């Protein structure tokens, strides 16, 4: 049988979902399942312009962190973290392992079009987004990936690492469109910490709400999320080159 020269794409559009400190992929999926229909709807609408992905398939990938929530963790405790240390002053122990782990997920299970992260997962989402733009080793993180830059990121209660070692993760500023979701009564990641990350992102969209340390689920937020994803996927990719640290 003679096949047509054009074959419709079969790859699903994939979104990486990164949990917070002391959580797991399974836990985060339970807490964010309500987001999936809204994200899926906007991605499928926007994907009509892009022949890279199948027009009817979106997958959400929820990995658990590579590090135990407690180094002395007992068997059966599945809480996981992305690193250990004070985010404002320390060089984070285990962060290099987490970055390698996530980049390997992208490389072997991708391509992914976006990432959604909460708390420490949001901080890691911003770092991964930055590294994919740089496409070279940076700030001591050695990686080799063919994965393209992401089309969007959503950082809920995110923050910037404060140790000077990490400065060039954020300079030049991150170009990928990022939705920053800020809880105005958050006493775990204070709003001013999230705003520090905003300053180092060129294409930032802000959504704030009167709540604490959680992913909001109000109709207003879901509408904002849908508008952001639609707009981000309609933007032209940047081809700008980046420098090593």
C-alpha atoms as a PDB file:
ATOM      1  CA  UNK A   1       0.000   0.000   0.000  1.00  0.00           C
ATOM      2  CA  UNK A   2       1.316   3.438  -0.918  1.00  0.00           C
ATOM      3  CA  UNK A   3       1.467   5.775   2.091  1.00  0.00           C
ATOM      4  CA  UNK A   4       0.965   9.515   1.874  1.00  0.00           C
ATOM      5  CA  UNK A   5       4.158  11.527   2.196  1.00  0.00           C
ATOM      6  CA  UNK A   6       2.601  13.429   5.096  1.00  0.00           C
ATOM      7  CA  UNK A   7       1.930  11.566   8.324  1.00  0.00           C
ATOM      8  CA  UNK A   8      -0.073  13.234  11.047  1.00  0.00           C
ATOM      9  CA  UNK A   9       1.934  13.738  14.269  1.00  0.00           C
ATOM     10  CA  UNK A  10       1.378  11.134  16.949  1.00  0.00           C
ATOM     11  CA  UNK A  11       3.297  12.600  19.894  1.00  0.00           C
ATOM     12  CA  UNK A  12       1.131  13.820  22.773  1.00  0.00           C
ATOM     13  CA  UNK A  13       1.719  17.272  24.221  1.00  0.00           C
ATOM     14  CA  UNK A  14       3.280  16.659  27.656  1.00  0.00           C
ATOM     15  CA  UNK A  15       3.332  18.801  30.795  1.00  0.00           C
ATOM     16  CA  UNK A  16       5.774  18.120  33.646  1.00  0.00           C
ATOM     17  CA  UNK A  17       4.291  18.501  37.144  1.00  0.00           C
ATOM     18  CA  UNK A  18       6.765  19.088  40.020  1.00  0.00           C
ATOM     19  CA  UNK A  19       5.607  18.642  43.608  1.00  0.00           C
ATOM     20  CA  UNK A  20       6.588  20.624  46.684  1.00  0.00           C
ATOM     21  CA  UNK A  21       8.881  19.808  49.606  1.00  0.00           C
ATOM     22  CA  UNK A  22       8.010  16.617  51.456  1.00  0.00           C
ATOM     23  CA  UNK A  23       5.386  15.577  48.919  1.00  0.00           C
ATOM     24  CA  UNK A  24       5.396  13.052  46.072  1.00  0.00           C
ATOM     25  CA  UNK A  25       4.239  12.857  42.490  1.00  0.00           C
ATOM     26  CA  UNK A  26       1.190  10.854  43.534  1.00  0.00           C
ATOM     27  CA  UNK A  27       0.276  13.374  46.241  1.00  0.00           C
ATOM     28  CA  UNK A  28       0.694  16.332  43.879  1.00  0.00           C
ATOM     29  CA  UNK A  29      -1.443  14.672  41.236  1.00  0.00           C
ATOM     30  CA  UNK A  30      -4.242  14.323  43.741  1.00  0.00           C
ATOM     31  CA  UNK A  31      -3.950  18.001  44.659  1.00  0.00           C
ATOM     32  CA  UNK A  32      -3.822  19.296  41.063  1.00  0.00           C
ATOM     33  CA  UNK A  33      -6.058  16.917  39.131  1.00  0.00           C
ATOM     34  CA  UNK A  34      -8.604  19.729  38.893  1.00  0.00           C
ATOM     35  CA  UNK A  35      -6.135  21.678  36.719  1.00  0.00           C
ATOM     36  CA  UNK A  36      -5.863  19.026  34.051  1.00  0.00           C
ATOM     37  CA  UNK A  37      -9.114  19.638  32.123  1.00  0.00           C
ATOM     38  CA  UNK A  38      -8.420  23.364  31.879  1.00  0.00           C
ATOM     39  CA  UNK A  39      -4.822  22.921  30.773  1.00  0.00           C
ATOM     40  CA  UNK A  40      -5.771  20.169  28.349  1.00  0.00           C
ATOM     41  CA  UNK A  41      -8.511  22.288  26.777  1.00  0.00           C
ATOM     42  CA  UNK A  42      -6.241  25.267  26.166  1.00  0.00           C
ATOM     43  CA  UNK A  43      -3.340  23.148  24.916  1.00  0.00           C
ATOM     44  CA  UNK A  44      -5.522  21.316  22.436  1.00  0.00           C
ATOM     45  CA  UNK A  45      -6.983  24.556  21.145  1.00  0.00           C
ATOM     46  CA  UNK A  46      -3.559  26.131  20.752  1.00  0.00           C
ATOM     47  CA  UNK A  47      -1.991  22.989  19.309  1.00  0.00           C
ATOM     48  CA  UNK A  48      -4.080  23.337  16.162  1.00  0.00           C
ATOM     49  CA  UNK A  49      -1.461  25.789  14.851  1.00  0.00           C
ATOM     50  CA  UNK A  50       1.430  23.440  15.645  1.00  0.00           C
ATOM     51  CA  UNK A  51       1.982  20.267  13.618  1.00  0.00           C
ATOM     52  CA  UNK A  52       4.449  18.879  16.178  1.00  0.00           C
ATOM     53  CA  UNK A  53       1.847  17.241  18.412  1.00  0.00           C
ATOM     54  CA  UNK A  54      -1.185  15.041  18.033  1.00  0.00           C
ATOM     55  CA  UNK A  55      -4.268  17.240  18.131  1.00  0.00           C
ATOM     56  CA  UNK A  56      -6.169  15.098  20.623  1.00  0.00           C
ATOM     57  CA  UNK A  57      -3.628  14.039  23.249  1.00  0.00           C
ATOM     58  CA  UNK A  58      -2.201  15.769  26.348  1.00  0.00           C
ATOM     59  CA  UNK A  59      -0.310  13.927  29.094  1.00  0.00           C
ATOM     60  CA  UNK A  60       0.631  15.087  32.603  1.00  0.00           C
ATOM     61  CA  UNK A  61       3.807  13.582  34.047  1.00  0.00           C
ATOM     62  CA  UNK A  62       4.160  13.532  37.849  1.00  0.00           C
ATOM     63  CA  UNK A  63       7.608  12.338  38.957  1.00  0.00           C
ATOM     64  CA  UNK A  64       8.529  12.042  42.620  1.00  0.00           C
ATOM     65  CA  UNK A  65      11.707  13.709  43.826  1.00  0.00           C
ATOM     66  CA  UNK A  66      14.894  11.695  43.739  1.00  0.00           C
ATOM     67  CA  UNK A  67      15.781  12.513  47.380  1.00  0.00           C
ATOM     68  CA  UNK A  68      14.043  11.200  50.529  1.00  0.00           C
ATOM     69  CA  UNK A  69      12.142  13.715  52.621  1.00  0.00           C
ATOM     70  CA  UNK A  70      14.439  12.806  55.503  1.00  0.00           C
ATOM     71  CA  UNK A  71      17.896  11.257  55.017  1.00  0.00           C
ATOM     72  CA  UNK A  72      16.977   8.850  57.839  1.00  0.00           C
ATOM     73  CA  UNK A  73      13.617   8.105  56.260  1.00  0.00           C
ATOM     74  CA  UNK A  74      11.914   4.913  57.360  1.00  0.00           C
ATOM     75  CA  UNK A  75      10.783   2.305  54.872  1.00  0.00           C
ATOM     76  CA  UNK A  76       7.287   3.040  53.629  1.00  0.00           C
ATOM     77  CA  UNK A  77       7.628   6.814  53.919  1.00  0.00           C
ATOM     78  CA  UNK A  78       7.402   8.078  50.329  1.00  0.00           C
ATOM     79  CA  UNK A  79       7.785  11.815  50.954  1.00  0.00           C
ATOM     80  CA  UNK A  80      10.412  13.257  48.644  1.00  0.00           C
ATOM     81  CA  UNK A  81      12.355  16.503  48.205  1.00  0.00           C
ATOM     82  CA  UNK A  82      14.430  18.212  45.530  1.00  0.00           C
ATOM     83  CA  UNK A  83      17.233  19.329  47.854  1.00  0.00           C
ATOM     84  CA  UNK A  84      18.322  20.150  51.401  1.00  0.00           C
ATOM     85  CA  UNK A  85      19.251  23.548  52.778  1.00  0.00           C
ATOM     86  CA  UNK A  86      18.185  27.133  53.391  1.00  0.00           C
ATOM     87  CA  UNK A  87      16.938  28.503  50.072  1.00  0.00           C
ATOM     88  CA  UNK A  88      17.979  32.038  50.929  1.00  0.00           C
ATOM     89  CA  UNK A  89      21.635  31.426  51.819  1.00  0.00           C
ATOM     90  CA  UNK A  90      22.811  27.856  51.202  1.00  0.00           C
ATOM     91  CA  UNK A  91      24.152  25.931  48.250  1.00  0.00           C
ATOM     92  CA  UNK A  92      21.417  23.321  48.154  1.00  0.00           C
ATOM     93  CA  UNK A  93      22.601  19.762  48.777  1.00  0.00           C
ATOM     94  CA  UNK A  94      21.276  17.260  46.273  1.00  0.00           C
ATOM     95  CA  UNK A  95      20.059  19.891  43.825  1.00  0.00           C
ATOM     96  CA  UNK A  96      22.496  18.674  41.180  1.00  0.00           C
ATOM     97  CA  UNK A  97      20.992  15.186  41.462  1.00  0.00           C
ATOM     98  CA  UNK A  98      17.481  16.555  41.115  1.00  0.00           C
ATOM     99  CA  UNK A  99      18.388  18.636  38.079  1.00  0.00           C
ATOM    100  CA  UNK A 100      20.038  15.667  36.377  1.00  0.00           C
ATOM    101  CA  UNK A 101      17.026  13.519  37.237  1.00  0.00           C
ATOM    102  CA  UNK A 102      14.499  15.964  35.783  1.00  0.00           C
ATOM    103  CA  UNK A 103      16.553  16.646  32.666  1.00  0.00           C
ATOM    104  CA  UNK A 104      16.794  12.904  32.098  1.00  0.00           C
ATOM    105  CA  UNK A 105      13.008  12.671  32.378  1.00  0.00           C
ATOM    106  CA  UNK A 106      12.683  15.378  29.747  1.00  0.00           C
ATOM    107  CA  UNK A 107      15.195  13.683  27.487  1.00  0.00           C
ATOM    108  CA  UNK A 108      13.777  10.170  27.731  1.00  0.00           C
ATOM    109  CA  UNK A 109      10.058  10.923  28.018  1.00  0.00           C
ATOM    110  CA  UNK A 110       9.774  14.170  26.085  1.00  0.00           C
ATOM    111  CA  UNK A 111       9.404  16.417  24.428  1.00  0.00           C
ATOM    112  CA  UNK A 112       7.478  18.427  27.035  1.00  0.00           C
ATOM    113  CA  UNK A 113       5.797  21.708  26.191  1.00  0.00           C
ATOM    114  CA  UNK A 114       5.560  23.079  29.726  1.00  0.00           C
ATOM    115  CA  UNK A 115       6.075  22.631  33.445  1.00  0.00           C
ATOM    116  CA  UNK A 116       3.912  23.337  36.496  1.00  0.00           C
ATOM    117  CA  UNK A 117       5.620  23.470  39.883  1.00  0.00           C
ATOM    118  CA  UNK A 118       4.605  24.155  43.451  1.00  0.00           C
ATOM    119  CA  UNK A 119       6.896  25.668  46.126  1.00  0.00           C
ATOM    120  CA  UNK A 120      10.310  23.952  45.831  1.00  0.00           C
ATOM    121  CA  UNK A 121       8.950  22.319  42.682  1.00  0.00           C
ATOM    122  CA  UNK A 122       8.266  25.807  41.335  1.00  0.00           C
ATOM    123  CA  UNK A 123      11.819  26.893  42.160  1.00  0.00           C
ATOM    124  CA  UNK A 124      13.109  23.822  40.320  1.00  0.00           C
ATOM    125  CA  UNK A 125      10.728  24.485  37.418  1.00  0.00           C
ATOM    126  CA  UNK A 126      12.258  27.959  36.968  1.00  0.00           C
ATOM    127  CA  UNK A 127      15.781  26.503  37.086  1.00  0.00           C
ATOM    128  CA  UNK A 128      15.000  23.802  34.523  1.00  0.00           C
ATOM    129  CA  UNK A 129      13.331  26.398  32.310  1.00  0.00           C
ATOM    130  CA  UNK A 130      16.455  28.549  32.494  1.00  0.00           C
ATOM    131  CA  UNK A 131      18.845  25.674  31.794  1.00  0.00           C
ATOM    132  CA  UNK A 132      16.878  24.600  28.721  1.00  0.00           C
ATOM    133  CA  UNK A 133      17.254  28.126  27.366  1.00  0.00           C
ATOM    134  CA  UNK A 134      20.988  28.145  28.026  1.00  0.00           C
ATOM    135  CA  UNK A 135      21.415  24.640  26.572  1.00  0.00           C
ATOM    136  CA  UNK A 136      24.904  24.442  28.107  1.00  0.00           C
ATOM    137  CA  UNK A 137      26.414  23.612  31.491  1.00  0.00           C
ATOM    138  CA  UNK A 138      25.721  26.404  33.940  1.00  0.00           C
ATOM    139  CA  UNK A 139      26.644  27.223  37.535  1.00  0.00           C
ATOM    140  CA  UNK A 140      28.267  23.854  38.076  1.00  0.00           C
ATOM    141  CA  UNK A 141      25.340  21.856  36.683  1.00  0.00           C
ATOM    142  CA  UNK A 142      26.660  19.724  33.841  1.00  0.00           C
ATOM    143  CA  UNK A 143      24.065  18.431  31.444  1.00  0.00           C
ATOM    144  CA  UNK A 144      23.747  17.300  27.890  1.00  0.00           C
ATOM    145  CA  UNK A 145      20.252  17.470  26.459  1.00  0.00           C
ATOM    146  CA  UNK A 146      18.676  17.829  23.061  1.00  0.00           C
ATOM    147  CA  UNK A 147      15.372  18.878  24.631  1.00  0.00           C
ATOM    148  CA  UNK A 148      14.174  22.260  23.310  1.00  0.00           C
ATOM    149  CA  UNK A 149      13.232  25.174  25.577  1.00  0.00           C
ATOM    150  CA  UNK A 150       9.802  24.907  27.141  1.00  0.00           C
ATOM    151  CA  UNK A 151       6.887  26.919  25.823  1.00  0.00           C
ATOM    152  CA  UNK A 152       5.583  27.870  29.279  1.00  0.00           C
ATOM    153  CA  UNK A 153       6.052  27.436  33.020  1.00  0.00           C
ATOM    154  CA  UNK A 154       3.681  27.900  35.950  1.00  0.00           C
ATOM    155  CA  UNK A 155       5.320  28.632  39.311  1.00  0.00           C
ATOM    156  CA  UNK A 156       2.979  28.425  42.314  1.00  0.00           C
ATOM    157  CA  UNK A 157       4.602  29.844  45.470  1.00  0.00           C
ATOM    158  CA  UNK A 158       7.947  29.840  43.678  1.00  0.00           C
ATOM    159  CA  UNK A 159      11.174  31.496  44.738  1.00  0.00           C
ATOM    160  CA  UNK A 160      14.704  32.311  43.609  1.00  0.00           C
ATOM    161  CA  UNK A 161      17.707  30.647  45.254  1.00  0.00           C
ATOM    162  CA  UNK A 162      19.604  33.302  47.169  1.00  0.00           C
ATOM    163  CA  UNK A 163      23.174  31.988  47.284  1.00  0.00           C
ATOM    164  CA  UNK A 164      25.426  33.921  44.862  1.00  0.00           C
ATOM    165  CA  UNK A 165      26.529  30.603  43.344  1.00  0.00           C
ATOM    166  CA  UNK A 166      23.183  30.468  41.538  1.00  0.00           C
ATOM    167  CA  UNK A 167      23.140  34.031  40.226  1.00  0.00           C
ATOM    168  CA  UNK A 168      23.658  33.153  36.586  1.00  0.00           C
ATOM    169  CA  UNK A 169      20.759  30.751  36.594  1.00  0.00           C
ATOM    170  CA  UNK A 170      18.699  33.948  36.567  1.00  0.00           C
ATOM    171  CA  UNK A 171      20.956  36.195  34.484  1.00  0.00           C
ATOM    172  CA  UNK A 172      20.272  36.881  31.693  1.00  0.00           C
ATOM    173  CA  UNK A 173      16.638  36.872  32.709  1.00  0.00           C
ATOM    174  CA  UNK A 174      14.533  33.829  31.888  1.00  0.00           C
ATOM    175  CA  UNK A 175      12.728  34.375  28.574  1.00  0.00           C
ATOM    176  CA  UNK A 176      10.141  31.581  28.626  1.00  0.00           C
ATOM    177  CA  UNK A 177       6.642  32.843  29.570  1.00  0.00           C
ATOM    178  CA  UNK A 178       6.030  32.129  33.261  1.00  0.00           C
ATOM    179  CA  UNK A 179       2.825  32.463  35.270  1.00  0.00           C
ATOM    180  CA  UNK A 180       3.722  33.323  38.876  1.00  0.00           C
ATOM    181  CA  UNK A 181       0.979  32.343  41.321  1.00  0.00           C
ATOM    182  CA  UNK A 182       1.433  34.168  44.630  1.00  0.00           C
ATOM    183  CA  UNK A 183      -0.493  33.482  47.849  1.00  0.00           C
ATOM    184  CA  UNK A 184      -0.730  36.756  49.748  1.00  0.00           C
ATOM    185  CA  UNK A 185      -1.008  35.060  53.155  1.00  0.00           C
ATOM    186  CA  UNK A 186       1.672  32.442  52.513  1.00  0.00           C
ATOM    187  CA  UNK A 187       3.962  32.118  55.545  1.00  0.00           C
ATOM    188  CA  UNK A 188       6.025  29.285  54.016  1.00  0.00           C
ATOM    189  CA  UNK A 189       7.120  31.104  50.867  1.00  0.00           C
ATOM    190  CA  UNK A 190       6.350  34.753  51.504  1.00  0.00           C
ATOM    191  CA  UNK A 191       5.071  36.875  48.593  1.00  0.00           C
ATOM    192  CA  UNK A 192       8.241  38.973  48.603  1.00  0.00           C
ATOM    193  CA  UNK A 193      10.262  35.805  47.901  1.00  0.00           C
ATOM    194  CA  UNK A 194       8.088  34.970  44.917  1.00  0.00           C
ATOM    195  CA  UNK A 195       8.453  38.552  43.674  1.00  0.00           C
ATOM    196  CA  UNK A 196      12.245  38.142  43.736  1.00  0.00           C
ATOM    197  CA  UNK A 197      11.867  35.368  41.179  1.00  0.00           C
ATOM    198  CA  UNK A 198       9.513  37.519  39.094  1.00  0.00           C
ATOM    199  CA  UNK A 199      12.240  40.161  38.718  1.00  0.00           C
ATOM    200  CA  UNK A 200      14.449  37.672  36.882  1.00  0.00           C
ATOM    201  CA  UNK A 201      11.808  36.538  34.391  1.00  0.00           C
ATOM    202  CA  UNK A 202      11.299  38.670  31.301  1.00  0.00           C
ATOM    203  CA  UNK A 203       7.875  37.338  30.280  1.00  0.00           C
ATOM    204  CA  UNK A 204       6.062  37.226  33.603  1.00  0.00           C
ATOM    205  CA  UNK A 205       2.336  37.033  34.246  1.00  0.00           C
ATOM    206  CA  UNK A 206       1.185  37.514  37.849  1.00  0.00           C
ATOM    207  CA  UNK A 207      -1.776  36.051  39.672  1.00  0.00           C
ATOM    208  CA  UNK A 208      -2.185  36.724  43.394  1.00  0.00           C
ATOM    209  CA  UNK A 209      -4.871  35.458  45.716  1.00  0.00           C
ATOM    210  CA  UNK A 210      -5.833  35.770  49.379  1.00  0.00           C
ATOM    211  CA  UNK A 211      -4.754  32.329  50.501  1.00  0.00           C
ATOM    212  CA  UNK A 212      -1.935  30.379  52.071  1.00  0.00           C
ATOM    213  CA  UNK A 213       0.506  27.759  50.798  1.00  0.00           C
ATOM    214  CA  UNK A 214      -1.525  25.842  48.220  1.00  0.00           C
ATOM    215  CA  UNK A 215      -2.443  25.782  44.540  1.00  0.00           C
ATOM    216  CA  UNK A 216      -5.647  27.824  44.121  1.00  0.00           C
ATOM    217  CA  UNK A 217      -8.674  26.352  42.412  1.00  0.00           C
ATOM    218  CA  UNK A 218     -11.006  29.328  42.086  1.00  0.00           C
ATOM    219  CA  UNK A 219     -12.743  30.047  38.749  1.00  0.00           C
ATOM    220  CA  UNK A 220     -10.737  33.269  38.528  1.00  0.00           C
ATOM    221  CA  UNK A 221      -7.446  31.402  38.735  1.00  0.00           C
ATOM    222  CA  UNK A 222      -8.498  28.733  36.253  1.00  0.00           C
ATOM    223  CA  UNK A 223      -9.511  31.461  33.799  1.00  0.00           C
ATOM    224  CA  UNK A 224      -6.160  33.213  34.281  1.00  0.00           C
ATOM    225  CA  UNK A 225      -4.308  29.931  33.789  1.00  0.00           C
ATOM    226  CA  UNK A 226      -6.211  29.190  30.585  1.00  0.00           C
ATOM    227  CA  UNK A 227      -5.543  32.665  29.181  1.00  0.00           C
ATOM    228  CA  UNK A 228      -1.855  32.404  30.059  1.00  0.00           C
ATOM    229  CA  UNK A 229      -1.354  28.997  28.447  1.00  0.00           C
ATOM    230  CA  UNK A 230      -3.184  30.039  25.304  1.00  0.00           C
ATOM    231  CA  UNK A 231      -1.081  33.186  25.020  1.00  0.00           C
ATOM    232  CA  UNK A 232       2.204  31.386  25.762  1.00  0.00           C
ATOM    233  CA  UNK A 233       1.616  28.718  23.142  1.00  0.00           C
ATOM    234  CA  UNK A 234       0.814  31.357  20.559  1.00  0.00           C
ATOM    235  CA  UNK A 235       4.143  33.130  21.103  1.00  0.00           C
ATOM    236  CA  UNK A 236       7.099  32.650  18.782  1.00  0.00           C
ATOM    237  CA  UNK A 237      10.015  30.685  20.247  1.00  0.00           C
ATOM    238  CA  UNK A 238      13.158  32.648  21.050  1.00  0.00           C
ATOM    239  CA  UNK A 239      16.351  31.711  19.211  1.00  0.00           C
ATOM    240  CA  UNK A 240      18.619  33.868  21.335  1.00  0.00           C
ATOM    241  CA  UNK A 241      21.973  32.402  22.390  1.00  0.00           C
ATOM    242  CA  UNK A 242      23.029  32.239  26.030  1.00  0.00           C
ATOM    243  CA  UNK A 243      26.352  32.209  27.849  1.00  0.00           C
ATOM    244  CA  UNK A 244      27.802  29.779  30.350  1.00  0.00           C
ATOM    245  CA  UNK A 245      28.482  30.765  33.927  1.00  0.00           C
END
